């Protein structure tokens, strides 16, 4: 089984942080949506930018996901 890249691990952590932030303001029955602004803020909290992720080996991250997360 291939290992995840560093970029994938960082994106997963940022996605979890952004979804946790989005869930704070929702009721129990609502599903949080991933917001590109919150995702980018989470990346900054982790010490990276979206451009840093793109510059890394990110073959296991969907290109559409990365383009959706651009501001």
PDB file of N, CA and C in Angstrom:
ATOM      1  N   UNK A   1       0.846  -1.180   0.000  1.00  0.00           N
ATOM      2  CA  UNK A   1       0.000   0.000   0.000  1.00  0.00           C
ATOM      3  C   UNK A   1       0.894   1.247   0.000  1.00  0.00           C
ATOM      4  N   UNK A   2       0.706   2.127  -0.973  1.00  0.00           N
ATOM      5  CA  UNK A   2       1.549   3.321  -1.038  1.00  0.00           C
ATOM      6  C   UNK A   2       1.253   4.292   0.108  1.00  0.00           C
ATOM      7  N   UNK A   3       2.306   4.955   0.534  1.00  0.00           N
ATOM      8  CA  UNK A   3       2.155   5.944   1.597  1.00  0.00           C
ATOM      9  C   UNK A   3       1.601   7.248   1.044  1.00  0.00           C
ATOM     10  N   UNK A   4       0.907   7.987   1.909  1.00  0.00           N
ATOM     11  CA  UNK A   4       0.408   9.305   1.522  1.00  0.00           C
ATOM     12  C   UNK A   4       1.574  10.275   1.447  1.00  0.00           C
ATOM     13  N   UNK A   5       1.442  11.229   0.539  1.00  0.00           N
ATOM     14  CA  UNK A   5       2.467  12.265   0.439  1.00  0.00           C
ATOM     15  C   UNK A   5       2.287  13.260   1.584  1.00  0.00           C
ATOM     16  N   UNK A   6       3.319  14.033   1.820  1.00  0.00           N
ATOM     17  CA  UNK A   6       3.265  15.081   2.842  1.00  0.00           C
ATOM     18  C   UNK A   6       2.158  16.082   2.507  1.00  0.00           C
ATOM     19  N   UNK A   7       2.022  16.416   1.226  1.00  0.00           N
ATOM     20  CA  UNK A   7       0.992  17.365   0.797  1.00  0.00           C
ATOM     21  C   UNK A   7      -0.405  16.837   1.105  1.00  0.00           C
ATOM     22  N   UNK A   8      -0.647  15.557   0.886  1.00  0.00           N
ATOM     23  CA  UNK A   8      -1.959  14.945   1.167  1.00  0.00           C
ATOM     24  C   UNK A   8      -2.245  14.987   2.660  1.00  0.00           C
ATOM     25  N   UNK A   9      -1.256  14.695   3.477  1.00  0.00           N
ATOM     26  CA  UNK A   9      -1.429  14.714   4.931  1.00  0.00           C
ATOM     27  C   UNK A   9      -1.758  16.129   5.413  1.00  0.00           C
ATOM     28  N   UNK A  10      -1.079  17.115   4.874  1.00  0.00           N
ATOM     29  CA  UNK A  10      -1.330  18.513   5.250  1.00  0.00           C
ATOM     30  C   UNK A  10      -2.732  18.930   4.813  1.00  0.00           C
ATOM     31  N   UNK A  11      -3.120  18.564   3.593  1.00  0.00           N
ATOM     32  CA  UNK A  11      -4.460  18.921   3.103  1.00  0.00           C
ATOM     33  C   UNK A  11      -5.558  18.264   3.924  1.00  0.00           C
ATOM     34  N   UNK A  12      -5.357  17.028   4.327  1.00  0.00           N
ATOM     35  CA  UNK A  12      -6.356  16.357   5.160  1.00  0.00           C
ATOM     36  C   UNK A  12      -6.504  17.050   6.510  1.00  0.00           C
ATOM     37  N   UNK A  13      -5.386  17.473   7.094  1.00  0.00           N
ATOM     38  CA  UNK A  13      -5.440  18.179   8.374  1.00  0.00           C
ATOM     39  C   UNK A  13      -6.135  19.527   8.214  1.00  0.00           C
ATOM     40  N   UNK A  14      -5.812  20.244   7.137  1.00  0.00           N
ATOM     41  CA  UNK A  14      -6.441  21.544   6.893  1.00  0.00           C
ATOM     42  C   UNK A  14      -7.930  21.386   6.610  1.00  0.00           C
ATOM     43  N   UNK A  15      -8.284  20.342   5.882  1.00  0.00           N
ATOM     44  CA  UNK A  15      -9.701  20.089   5.585  1.00  0.00           C
ATOM     45  C   UNK A  15     -10.476  19.798   6.868  1.00  0.00           C
ATOM     46  N   UNK A  16      -9.891  19.002   7.750  1.00  0.00           N
ATOM     47  CA  UNK A  16     -10.555  18.701   9.024  1.00  0.00           C
ATOM     48  C   UNK A  16     -10.725  19.966   9.855  1.00  0.00           C
ATOM     49  N   UNK A  17      -9.688  20.807   9.901  1.00  0.00           N
ATOM     50  CA  UNK A  17      -9.777  22.063  10.659  1.00  0.00           C
ATOM     51  C   UNK A  17     -10.870  22.965  10.085  1.00  0.00           C
ATOM     52  N   UNK A  18     -10.940  23.065   8.761  1.00  0.00           N
ATOM     53  CA  UNK A  18     -11.931  23.927   8.109  1.00  0.00           C
ATOM     54  C   UNK A  18     -13.347  23.402   8.327  1.00  0.00           C
ATOM     55  N   UNK A  19     -13.522  22.084   8.247  1.00  0.00           N
ATOM     56  CA  UNK A  19     -14.852  21.509   8.459  1.00  0.00           C
ATOM     57  C   UNK A  19     -15.282  21.634   9.917  1.00  0.00           C
ATOM     58  N   UNK A  20     -14.345  21.485  10.854  1.00  0.00           N
ATOM     59  CA  UNK A  20     -14.660  21.681  12.270  1.00  0.00           C
ATOM     60  C   UNK A  20     -15.101  23.116  12.526  1.00  0.00           C
ATOM     61  N   UNK A  21     -14.435  24.062  11.886  1.00  0.00           N
ATOM     62  CA  UNK A  21     -14.794  25.477  12.021  1.00  0.00           C
ATOM     63  C   UNK A  21     -16.188  25.732  11.441  1.00  0.00           C
ATOM     64  N   UNK A  22     -16.478  25.132  10.290  1.00  0.00           N
ATOM     65  CA  UNK A  22     -17.786  25.305   9.650  1.00  0.00           C
ATOM     66  C   UNK A  22     -18.893  24.665  10.469  1.00  0.00           C
ATOM     67  N   UNK A  23     -18.590  23.577  11.156  1.00  0.00           N
ATOM     68  CA  UNK A  23     -19.597  22.865  11.936  1.00  0.00           C
ATOM     69  C   UNK A  23     -19.979  23.601  13.214  1.00  0.00           C
ATOM     70  N   UNK A  24     -19.160  24.538  13.652  1.00  0.00           N
ATOM     71  CA  UNK A  24     -19.448  25.270  14.886  1.00  0.00           C
ATOM     72  C   UNK A  24     -20.759  26.048  14.803  1.00  0.00           C
ATOM     73  N   UNK A  25     -21.099  26.529  13.618  1.00  0.00           N
ATOM     74  CA  UNK A  25     -22.260  27.398  13.465  1.00  0.00           C
ATOM     75  C   UNK A  25     -23.473  26.679  12.883  1.00  0.00           C
ATOM     76  N   UNK A  26     -23.439  25.365  12.804  1.00  0.00           N
ATOM     77  CA  UNK A  26     -24.536  24.614  12.204  1.00  0.00           C
ATOM     78  C   UNK A  26     -25.327  23.866  13.262  1.00  0.00           C
ATOM     79  N   UNK A  27     -26.546  23.537  12.914  1.00  0.00           N
ATOM     80  CA  UNK A  27     -27.343  22.700  13.800  1.00  0.00           C
ATOM     81  C   UNK A  27     -26.911  21.245  13.634  1.00  0.00           C
ATOM     82  N   UNK A  28     -27.477  20.388  14.431  1.00  0.00           N
ATOM     83  CA  UNK A  28     -27.098  18.981  14.444  1.00  0.00           C
ATOM     84  C   UNK A  28     -27.352  18.301  13.098  1.00  0.00           C
ATOM     85  N   UNK A  29     -28.386  18.709  12.399  1.00  0.00           N
ATOM     86  CA  UNK A  29     -28.795  18.019  11.178  1.00  0.00           C
ATOM     87  C   UNK A  29     -28.138  18.555   9.913  1.00  0.00           C
ATOM     88  N   UNK A  30     -27.418  19.664  10.002  1.00  0.00           N
ATOM     89  CA  UNK A  30     -26.772  20.242   8.833  1.00  0.00           C
ATOM     90  C   UNK A  30     -25.387  19.642   8.635  1.00  0.00           C
ATOM     91  N   UNK A  31     -25.017  19.490   7.378  1.00  0.00           N
ATOM     92  CA  UNK A  31     -23.680  18.997   7.043  1.00  0.00           C
ATOM     93  C   UNK A  31     -22.778  20.194   6.738  1.00  0.00           C
ATOM     94  N   UNK A  32     -21.601  20.246   7.339  1.00  0.00           N
ATOM     95  CA  UNK A  32     -20.695  21.368   7.034  1.00  0.00           C
ATOM     96  C   UNK A  32     -20.149  21.253   5.619  1.00  0.00           C
ATOM     97  N   UNK A  33     -19.960  22.398   4.977  1.00  0.00           N
ATOM     98  CA  UNK A  33     -19.370  22.449   3.634  1.00  0.00           C
ATOM     99  C   UNK A  33     -17.948  22.980   3.755  1.00  0.00           C
ATOM    100  N   UNK A  34     -17.100  22.459   2.918  1.00  0.00           N
ATOM    101  CA  UNK A  34     -15.712  22.906   2.907  1.00  0.00           C
ATOM    102  C   UNK A  34     -15.631  24.225   2.141  1.00  0.00           C
ATOM    103  N   UNK A  35     -15.213  25.267   2.824  1.00  0.00           N
ATOM    104  CA  UNK A  35     -15.085  26.591   2.244  1.00  0.00           C
ATOM    105  C   UNK A  35     -13.620  26.827   1.898  1.00  0.00           C
ATOM    106  N   UNK A  36     -13.366  27.332   0.685  1.00  0.00           N
ATOM    107  CA  UNK A  36     -11.980  27.527   0.253  1.00  0.00           C
ATOM    108  C   UNK A  36     -11.247  28.540   1.133  1.00  0.00           C
ATOM    109  N   UNK A  37     -11.964  29.560   1.599  1.00  0.00           N
ATOM    110  CA  UNK A  37     -11.329  30.563   2.461  1.00  0.00           C
ATOM    111  C   UNK A  37     -10.887  29.933   3.782  1.00  0.00           C
ATOM    112  N   UNK A  38     -11.768  29.164   4.398  1.00  0.00           N
ATOM    113  CA  UNK A  38     -11.428  28.501   5.659  1.00  0.00           C
ATOM    114  C   UNK A  38     -10.325  27.461   5.462  1.00  0.00           C
ATOM    115  N   UNK A  39     -10.339  26.787   4.320  1.00  0.00           N
ATOM    116  CA  UNK A  39      -9.288  25.815   4.021  1.00  0.00           C
ATOM    117  C   UNK A  39      -7.930  26.501   3.928  1.00  0.00           C
ATOM    118  N   UNK A  40      -7.885  27.635   3.238  1.00  0.00           N
ATOM    119  CA  UNK A  40      -6.631  28.377   3.103  1.00  0.00           C
ATOM    120  C   UNK A  40      -6.164  28.940   4.441  1.00  0.00           C
ATOM    121  N   UNK A  41      -7.088  29.381   5.275  1.00  0.00           N
ATOM    122  CA  UNK A  41      -6.726  29.853   6.613  1.00  0.00           C
ATOM    123  C   UNK A  41      -6.147  28.709   7.443  1.00  0.00           C
ATOM    124  N   UNK A  42      -6.758  27.529   7.317  1.00  0.00           N
ATOM    125  CA  UNK A  42      -6.252  26.355   8.043  1.00  0.00           C
ATOM    126  C   UNK A  42      -4.846  25.993   7.558  1.00  0.00           C
ATOM    127  N   UNK A  43      -4.617  26.091   6.252  1.00  0.00           N
ATOM    128  CA  UNK A  43      -3.269  25.832   5.729  1.00  0.00           C
ATOM    129  C   UNK A  43      -2.260  26.805   6.326  1.00  0.00           C
ATOM    130  N   UNK A  44      -2.645  28.074   6.421  1.00  0.00           N
ATOM    131  CA  UNK A  44      -1.751  29.085   6.989  1.00  0.00           C
ATOM    132  C   UNK A  44      -1.448  28.765   8.443  1.00  0.00           C
ATOM    133  N   UNK A  45      -2.468  28.317   9.187  1.00  0.00           N
ATOM    134  CA  UNK A  45      -2.232  27.921  10.586  1.00  0.00           C
ATOM    135  C   UNK A  45      -1.252  26.757  10.679  1.00  0.00           C
ATOM    136  N   UNK A  46      -1.246  25.920   9.667  1.00  0.00           N
ATOM    137  CA  UNK A  46      -0.309  24.794   9.642  1.00  0.00           C
ATOM    138  C   UNK A  46       1.060  25.189   9.109  1.00  0.00           C
ATOM    139  N   UNK A  47       1.189  26.435   8.636  1.00  0.00           N
ATOM    140  CA  UNK A  47       2.477  26.930   8.169  1.00  0.00           C
ATOM    141  C   UNK A  47       2.713  26.762   6.680  1.00  0.00           C
ATOM    142  N   UNK A  48       1.657  26.557   5.915  1.00  0.00           N
ATOM    143  CA  UNK A  48       1.778  26.340   4.475  1.00  0.00           C
ATOM    144  C   UNK A  48       0.784  27.224   3.730  1.00  0.00           C
ATOM    145  N   UNK A  49       0.988  27.315   2.432  1.00  0.00           N
ATOM    146  CA  UNK A  49       0.021  27.985   1.563  1.00  0.00           C
ATOM    147  C   UNK A  49      -0.405  26.983   0.495  1.00  0.00           C
ATOM    148  N   UNK A  50      -1.430  27.347  -0.253  1.00  0.00           N
ATOM    149  CA  UNK A  50      -1.874  26.464  -1.328  1.00  0.00           C
ATOM    150  C   UNK A  50      -0.781  26.308  -2.379  1.00  0.00           C
ATOM    151  N   UNK A  51      -0.024  27.363  -2.605  1.00  0.00           N
ATOM    152  CA  UNK A  51       1.079  27.286  -3.570  1.00  0.00           C
ATOM    153  C   UNK A  51       2.165  26.336  -3.065  1.00  0.00           C
ATOM    154  N   UNK A  52       2.412  26.325  -1.754  1.00  0.00           N
ATOM    155  CA  UNK A  52       3.378  25.370  -1.191  1.00  0.00           C
ATOM    156  C   UNK A  52       2.935  23.933  -1.476  1.00  0.00           C
ATOM    157  N   UNK A  53       1.639  23.675  -1.322  1.00  0.00           N
ATOM    158  CA  UNK A  53       1.108  22.330  -1.572  1.00  0.00           C
ATOM    159  C   UNK A  53       1.294  21.968  -3.042  1.00  0.00           C
ATOM    160  N   UNK A  54       1.005  22.906  -3.936  1.00  0.00           N
ATOM    161  CA  UNK A  54       1.150  22.641  -5.367  1.00  0.00           C
ATOM    162  C   UNK A  54       2.603  22.407  -5.762  1.00  0.00           C
ATOM    163  N   UNK A  55       3.530  23.033  -5.048  1.00  0.00           N
ATOM    164  CA  UNK A  55       4.948  22.868  -5.343  1.00  0.00           C
ATOM    165  C   UNK A  55       5.495  21.539  -4.839  1.00  0.00           C
ATOM    166  N   UNK A  56       4.807  20.914  -3.896  1.00  0.00           N
ATOM    167  CA  UNK A  56       5.231  19.615  -3.364  1.00  0.00           C
ATOM    168  C   UNK A  56       4.781  18.499  -4.311  1.00  0.00           C
ATOM    169  N   UNK A  57       5.265  17.292  -4.023  1.00  0.00           N
ATOM    170  CA  UNK A  57       4.754  16.115  -4.719  1.00  0.00           C
ATOM    171  C   UNK A  57       3.321  15.895  -4.228  1.00  0.00           C
ATOM    172  N   UNK A  58       2.352  16.136  -5.095  1.00  0.00           N
ATOM    173  CA  UNK A  58       0.946  16.014  -4.684  1.00  0.00           C
ATOM    174  C   UNK A  58       0.168  15.158  -5.684  1.00  0.00           C
ATOM    175  N   UNK A  59       0.787  14.079  -6.137  1.00  0.00           N
ATOM    176  CA  UNK A  59       0.142  13.223  -7.129  1.00  0.00           C
ATOM    177  C   UNK A  59      -1.102  12.527  -6.593  1.00  0.00           C
ATOM    178  N   UNK A  60      -1.228  12.422  -5.277  1.00  0.00           N
ATOM    179  CA  UNK A  60      -2.388  11.741  -4.699  1.00  0.00           C
ATOM    180  C   UNK A  60      -3.502  12.706  -4.282  1.00  0.00           C
ATOM    181  N   UNK A  61      -3.399  13.977  -4.682  1.00  0.00           N
ATOM    182  CA  UNK A  61      -4.448  14.960  -4.430  1.00  0.00           C
ATOM    183  C   UNK A  61      -5.110  15.278  -5.764  1.00  0.00           C
ATOM    184  N   UNK A  62      -6.421  15.265  -5.779  1.00  0.00           N
ATOM    185  CA  UNK A  62      -7.176  15.529  -6.993  1.00  0.00           C
ATOM    186  C   UNK A  62      -6.933  16.964  -7.464  1.00  0.00           C
ATOM    187  N   UNK A  63      -6.637  17.121  -8.735  1.00  0.00           N
ATOM    188  CA  UNK A  63      -6.386  18.450  -9.304  1.00  0.00           C
ATOM    189  C   UNK A  63      -7.612  19.350  -9.196  1.00  0.00           C
ATOM    190  N   UNK A  64      -8.794  18.774  -9.331  1.00  0.00           N
ATOM    191  CA  UNK A  64     -10.027  19.565  -9.200  1.00  0.00           C
ATOM    192  C   UNK A  64     -10.183  20.111  -7.787  1.00  0.00           C
ATOM    193  N   UNK A  65      -9.783  19.323  -6.793  1.00  0.00           N
ATOM    194  CA  UNK A  65      -9.846  19.787  -5.412  1.00  0.00           C
ATOM    195  C   UNK A  65      -8.942  21.000  -5.217  1.00  0.00           C
ATOM    196  N   UNK A  66      -7.731  20.923  -5.733  1.00  0.00           N
ATOM    197  CA  UNK A  66      -6.798  22.037  -5.591  1.00  0.00           C
ATOM    198  C   UNK A  66      -7.297  23.286  -6.310  1.00  0.00           C
ATOM    199  N   UNK A  67      -7.873  23.120  -7.476  1.00  0.00           N
ATOM    200  CA  UNK A  67      -8.388  24.294  -8.188  1.00  0.00           C
ATOM    201  C   UNK A  67      -9.621  24.862  -7.500  1.00  0.00           C
ATOM    202  N   UNK A  68     -10.435  24.015  -6.857  1.00  0.00           N
ATOM    203  CA  UNK A  68     -11.593  24.501  -6.107  1.00  0.00           C
ATOM    204  C   UNK A  68     -11.185  25.277  -4.852  1.00  0.00           C
ATOM    205  N   UNK A  69     -10.025  24.981  -4.300  1.00  0.00           N
ATOM    206  CA  UNK A  69      -9.589  25.622  -3.071  1.00  0.00           C
ATOM    207  C   UNK A  69      -8.851  26.933  -3.320  1.00  0.00           C
ATOM    208  N   UNK A  70      -8.656  27.300  -4.576  1.00  0.00           N
ATOM    209  CA  UNK A  70      -8.027  28.587  -4.877  1.00  0.00           C
ATOM    210  C   UNK A  70      -8.984  29.707  -4.538  1.00  0.00           C
ATOM    211  N   UNK A  71      -8.415  30.807  -4.039  1.00  0.00           N
ATOM    212  CA  UNK A  71      -9.256  31.965  -3.696  1.00  0.00           C
ATOM    213  C   UNK A  71      -9.542  32.813  -4.889  1.00  0.00           C
TER     214      UNK A  71
END
